[in-house]
Amino acid sequence: GLRRQAAVAISQELSRLASRSPGHNTWIHQVRRRSSLLSSRLEEKPFSEMQMSYIKQGEEALQKSLRILEDQDDWKTETVAGNGDKVLSKVLPDVGKVFRLEVVVDQPLDTVYGELVDNMEQMGDWNPNVKEVRILEKIGKDTVITHEKAAATPGNIVGPRDFVSVRCSKRRGSTCVLAGMSTTYGAMPEQEGFIRAENGPTCMVLRPLPGSPSQTRLTWLLSIDLKGWLPKTIINQVLSQTQVDFAKHLRQRLARPGQ
């Protein structure tokens, strides 16, 4: 009964989003169709009550992220790189300051998706801002629990941080959304030497560039509470630069032979 209620609630919420945002009906409709299969999948492989709660958290992160991205008002430009990469920001009353990266990657969507989802645990190999990403548990096809360690910032301005997150990946047609938010996981309590930071709702949206299927438009919504005693000016500078650096290092990774 709990599993059916979760599937119904997810479907209803996505229907409500579609009615509020006509411009995004196609994507919302696609996700709703995908979510309508949730109930049957759950019947095929029953999940525990705890696993169901993680699935619901992942769906919640996806829905909240899409709502933020769909609202085009009040975004302010933080930085624009010479290659057109752009970081925007806005302040939300219930979330705080969020950052939005808009870039175009000269690789097809399947390649970008594979690197960010299938090769998730290798991110520490190519992104200097990430020390380690480890999958703690996989729940079905779409949901994972991860532990991430952030690398030290130059000059150690921001001390060691780590995150425990639930991540939800949805792929339908030519659009992919990778969403996530912080969660608690009994097997990964706070670690000595690290401050347990919180993220989310956060997501990456991948779409083929119109008229150029060999290129991918990537939008990254970033929302992080680093915890500790850090001035907001430093936090804002670190987070916006993190997004710019991510785009640069992702391109370098995908340009390597065999990637």
Protein backbone atom coordinates (compact mmCIF):
# COMPACT_ATOMS: atom_id res chain seq x y z
CA GLY A 1 0.00 0.00 0.00
CA LEU A 2 2.81 2.39 0.86
CA ARG A 3 4.49 1.73 -2.47
CA ARG A 4 1.29 2.39 -4.41
CA GLN A 5 0.65 5.59 -2.46
CA ALA A 6 4.15 6.84 -3.27
CA ALA A 7 3.69 6.17 -6.98
CA VAL A 8 0.32 7.91 -7.03
CA ALA A 9 1.67 10.93 -5.12
CA ILE A 10 4.59 11.28 -7.54
CA SER A 11 2.29 11.10 -10.55
CA GLN A 12 -0.09 13.68 -9.09
CA GLU A 13 2.73 16.09 -8.29
CA LEU A 14 4.15 15.86 -11.81
CA SER A 15 0.68 16.47 -13.25
CA ARG A 16 0.42 19.61 -11.13
CA LEU A 17 3.80 20.81 -12.35
CA ALA A 18 2.79 20.29 -15.96
CA SER A 19 -0.34 22.41 -15.53
CA ARG A 20 1.70 25.24 -13.95
CA SER A 21 4.48 25.32 -16.55
CA PRO A 22 3.17 24.97 -20.11
CA GLY A 23 6.62 25.60 -21.61
CA HIS A 24 7.96 22.45 -20.03
CA ASN A 25 5.00 20.18 -20.66
CA THR A 26 6.98 17.85 -22.88
CA TRP A 27 9.60 17.05 -20.29
CA ILE A 28 7.14 16.85 -17.42
CA HIS A 29 4.89 14.57 -19.46
CA GLN A 30 7.81 12.30 -20.26
CA VAL A 31 8.83 12.04 -16.62
CA ARG A 32 5.22 11.42 -15.61
CA ARG A 33 5.02 8.54 -18.07
CA ARG A 34 8.23 7.16 -16.62
CA SER A 35 6.95 7.54 -13.07
CA SER A 36 3.68 5.85 -13.94
CA LEU A 37 5.72 2.67 -14.35
CA LEU A 38 7.03 2.97 -10.79
CA SER A 39 4.20 1.03 -9.20
CA SER A 40 4.57 -1.96 -11.51
CA ARG A 41 8.35 -1.99 -11.04
CA LEU A 42 7.96 -1.91 -7.30
CA GLU A 43 5.63 -4.89 -7.45
CA GLU A 44 8.22 -6.79 -9.48
CA LYS A 45 10.96 -6.12 -6.92
CA PRO A 46 9.60 -5.05 -3.53
CA PHE A 47 11.57 -2.45 -1.61
CA SER A 48 11.86 -1.98 2.10
CA GLU A 49 10.18 0.95 3.79
CA MET A 50 13.55 2.68 4.14
CA GLN A 51 14.37 2.17 0.47
CA MET A 52 10.97 3.59 -0.45
CA SER A 53 11.75 6.68 1.60
CA TYR A 54 14.97 7.18 -0.38
CA ILE A 55 13.09 6.78 -3.68
CA LYS A 56 10.61 9.43 -2.54
CA GLN A 57 13.45 11.76 -1.50
CA GLY A 58 15.03 11.43 -4.94
CA GLU A 59 11.73 12.21 -6.64
CA GLU A 60 11.23 15.18 -4.31
CA ALA A 61 14.66 16.54 -5.25
CA LEU A 62 13.80 16.19 -8.93
CA GLN A 63 10.46 17.98 -8.56
CA LYS A 64 11.85 20.84 -6.47
CA SER A 65 14.77 21.33 -8.85
CA LEU A 66 12.52 21.51 -11.89
CA ARG A 67 10.29 24.06 -10.18
CA ILE A 68 13.31 26.27 -9.49
CA LEU A 69 14.62 26.00 -13.04
CA GLU A 70 11.22 26.62 -14.60
CA ASP A 71 10.93 30.00 -12.87
CA GLN A 72 12.87 32.31 -15.16
CA ASP A 73 12.44 35.44 -13.01
CA ASP A 74 15.05 37.17 -10.84
CA TRP A 75 18.13 35.27 -11.99
CA LYS A 76 21.26 37.44 -11.76
CA THR A 77 24.46 36.90 -13.71
CA GLU A 78 27.40 35.88 -11.54
CA THR A 79 29.98 35.27 -14.27
CA VAL A 80 30.26 34.74 -18.03
CA ALA A 81 33.32 32.96 -19.41
CA GLY A 82 34.89 33.76 -22.75
CA ASN A 83 33.54 30.53 -24.25
CA GLY A 84 29.95 31.44 -23.29
CA ASP A 85 29.70 29.40 -20.09
CA LYS A 86 27.43 31.29 -17.73
CA VAL A 87 26.68 31.14 -14.00
CA LEU A 88 23.48 32.72 -12.71
CA SER A 89 22.10 32.94 -9.19
CA LYS A 90 18.98 33.82 -7.25
CA VAL A 91 17.88 33.75 -3.62
CA LEU A 92 14.92 31.59 -2.64
CA PRO A 93 13.15 32.10 0.70
CA ASP A 94 12.99 28.39 1.56
CA VAL A 95 16.32 27.30 0.07
CA GLY A 96 18.76 30.21 0.16
CA LYS A 97 21.06 31.17 -2.68
CA VAL A 98 21.15 28.80 -5.63
CA PHE A 99 23.48 28.80 -8.62
CA ARG A 100 22.71 27.84 -12.20
CA LEU A 101 25.36 26.85 -14.73
CA GLU A 102 24.49 26.99 -18.44
CA VAL A 103 27.00 25.43 -20.86
CA VAL A 104 27.20 23.62 -24.18
CA VAL A 105 29.47 20.57 -24.35
CA ASP A 106 30.83 19.40 -27.70
CA GLN A 107 29.87 15.79 -27.05
CA PRO A 108 26.63 13.85 -27.69
CA LEU A 109 24.22 13.37 -24.81
CA ASP A 110 24.95 9.64 -24.41
CA THR A 111 28.63 10.37 -23.82
CA VAL A 112 27.95 13.08 -21.23
CA TYR A 113 25.28 10.99 -19.50
CA GLY A 114 27.58 7.98 -19.33
CA GLU A 115 30.34 9.99 -17.70
CA LEU A 116 28.10 11.65 -15.11
CA VAL A 117 25.94 8.63 -14.25
CA ASP A 118 27.56 5.35 -15.26
CA ASN A 119 31.07 6.54 -14.33
CA MET A 120 30.00 8.56 -11.31
CA GLU A 121 32.59 7.02 -9.00
CA GLN A 122 35.41 8.11 -11.32
CA MET A 123 34.66 11.83 -10.93
CA GLY A 124 37.47 12.24 -8.43
CA ASP A 125 39.91 11.20 -11.18
CA TRP A 126 39.20 14.24 -13.36
CA ASN A 127 37.49 16.89 -11.20
CA PRO A 128 40.03 18.48 -8.80
CA ASN A 129 37.17 19.81 -6.65
CA VAL A 130 36.11 16.25 -5.83
CA LYS A 131 38.26 13.92 -3.78
CA GLU A 132 36.00 10.87 -3.91
CA VAL A 133 32.52 9.73 -4.90
CA ARG A 134 31.39 6.35 -3.62
CA ILE A 135 28.07 4.60 -4.20
CA LEU A 136 26.83 3.24 -0.88
CA GLU A 137 23.65 1.59 -2.15
CA LYS A 138 21.75 1.17 -5.38
CA ILE A 139 17.95 1.10 -5.17
CA GLY A 140 16.30 -0.05 -8.35
CA LYS A 141 17.38 1.46 -11.66
CA ASP A 142 17.07 5.16 -10.86
CA THR A 143 18.16 5.78 -7.25
CA VAL A 144 21.53 5.60 -5.48
CA ILE A 145 22.90 6.70 -2.12
CA THR A 146 26.35 8.27 -2.40
CA HIS A 147 29.11 9.57 -0.16
CA GLU A 148 31.15 12.42 -1.60
CA LYS A 149 34.31 14.00 -0.24
CA ALA A 150 35.14 17.49 -1.48
CA ALA A 151 38.76 18.31 -2.21
CA ALA A 152 40.48 21.08 -0.25
CA THR A 153 40.16 24.54 -1.77
CA PRO A 154 43.27 26.61 -2.65
CA GLY A 155 44.73 28.00 0.53
CA ASN A 156 42.37 25.71 2.44
CA ILE A 157 39.83 28.54 2.57
CA VAL A 158 37.09 25.96 2.96
CA GLY A 159 38.04 23.00 5.15
CA PRO A 160 37.27 19.35 4.36
CA ARG A 161 33.57 18.74 3.63
CA ASP A 162 31.66 15.59 2.85
CA PHE A 163 28.11 14.83 1.77
CA VAL A 164 25.73 11.91 1.94
CA SER A 165 23.19 12.21 -0.85
CA VAL A 166 20.31 10.42 -2.49
CA ARG A 167 20.47 10.74 -6.27
CA CYS A 168 17.74 10.12 -8.80
CA SER A 169 18.37 9.82 -12.55
CA LYS A 170 15.55 10.01 -15.07
CA ARG A 171 15.96 9.57 -18.78
CA ARG A 172 13.13 9.83 -21.25
CA GLY A 173 13.53 10.48 -24.94
CA SER A 174 16.17 13.12 -25.55
CA THR A 175 16.17 14.63 -22.04
CA CYS A 176 17.95 13.49 -18.90
CA VAL A 177 17.69 14.84 -15.37
CA LEU A 178 20.10 13.90 -12.59
CA ALA A 179 18.71 15.18 -9.30
CA GLY A 180 19.77 14.87 -5.69
CA MET A 181 19.63 16.11 -2.13
CA SER A 182 21.27 15.38 1.21
CA THR A 183 20.03 12.47 3.25
CA THR A 184 20.99 10.42 6.28
CA TYR A 185 22.40 6.91 5.97
CA GLY A 186 23.05 4.78 9.03
CA ALA A 187 26.13 3.10 7.59
CA MET A 188 27.81 6.46 6.90
CA PRO A 189 27.76 8.64 10.03
CA GLU A 190 29.74 11.88 10.23
CA GLN A 191 33.42 11.27 9.55
CA GLU A 192 36.29 12.47 11.71
CA GLY A 193 38.14 15.35 10.03
CA PHE A 194 35.18 16.32 7.83
CA ILE A 195 32.30 18.74 8.28
CA ARG A 196 29.09 17.12 7.03
CA ALA A 197 27.67 19.68 4.59
CA GLU A 198 24.23 19.58 2.96
CA ASN A 199 23.18 19.94 -0.64
CA GLY A 200 19.97 20.15 -2.54
CA PRO A 201 17.74 20.31 -4.14
CA THR A 202 20.26 20.09 -6.97
CA CYS A 203 20.13 18.68 -10.48
CA MET A 204 21.72 18.53 -13.89
CA VAL A 205 19.55 18.65 -17.01
CA LEU A 206 21.00 17.31 -20.26
CA ARG A 207 19.45 17.98 -23.67
CA PRO A 208 20.81 17.72 -27.22
CA LEU A 209 21.54 21.15 -28.65
CA PRO A 210 18.73 21.94 -31.13
CA GLY A 211 19.97 21.33 -34.66
CA SER A 212 23.24 19.81 -33.42
CA PRO A 213 22.78 16.35 -31.87
CA SER A 214 26.55 15.97 -31.44
CA GLN A 215 26.45 18.73 -28.79
CA THR A 216 24.75 18.73 -25.38
CA ARG A 217 23.26 21.61 -23.45
CA LEU A 218 23.95 21.12 -19.73
CA THR A 219 22.18 23.03 -16.99
CA TRP A 220 23.42 22.53 -13.43
CA LEU A 221 21.39 23.78 -10.48
CA LEU A 222 23.59 23.92 -7.39
CA SER A 223 22.35 24.46 -3.84
CA ILE A 224 24.79 23.82 -0.97
CA ASP A 225 25.02 24.65 2.70
CA LEU A 226 28.70 24.24 3.56
CA LYS A 227 28.05 24.60 7.28
CA GLY A 228 30.69 26.02 9.59
CA TRP A 229 31.62 29.67 10.02
CA LEU A 230 32.21 30.98 6.51
CA PRO A 231 31.45 34.49 5.17
CA LYS A 232 28.78 34.46 2.48
CA THR A 233 31.07 36.30 0.06
CA ILE A 234 33.59 33.47 0.23
CA ILE A 235 30.90 30.81 -0.13
CA ASN A 236 29.39 32.51 -3.18
CA GLN A 237 32.78 32.89 -4.81
CA VAL A 238 33.73 29.26 -4.17
CA LEU A 239 30.45 27.81 -5.44
CA SER A 240 30.28 29.86 -8.65
CA GLN A 241 33.93 29.07 -9.41
CA THR A 242 33.26 25.39 -8.70
CA GLN A 243 30.67 25.34 -11.47
CA VAL A 244 32.93 27.08 -13.98
CA ASP A 245 35.77 24.68 -13.13
CA PHE A 246 33.44 21.68 -13.45
CA ALA A 247 32.55 22.57 -17.05
CA LYS A 248 36.24 22.99 -17.94
CA HIS A 249 37.31 19.70 -16.40
CA LEU A 250 34.34 17.80 -17.85
CA ARG A 251 35.30 18.94 -21.35
CA GLN A 252 38.88 17.86 -20.76
CA ARG A 253 37.72 14.47 -19.53
CA LEU A 254 35.44 13.87 -22.51
CA ALA A 255 38.12 14.99 -24.97
CA ARG A 256 40.51 12.23 -23.87
CA PRO A 257 40.89 9.29 -26.26
CA GLY A 258 38.61 6.42 -25.36
CA GLN A 259 36.14 8.58 -23.39
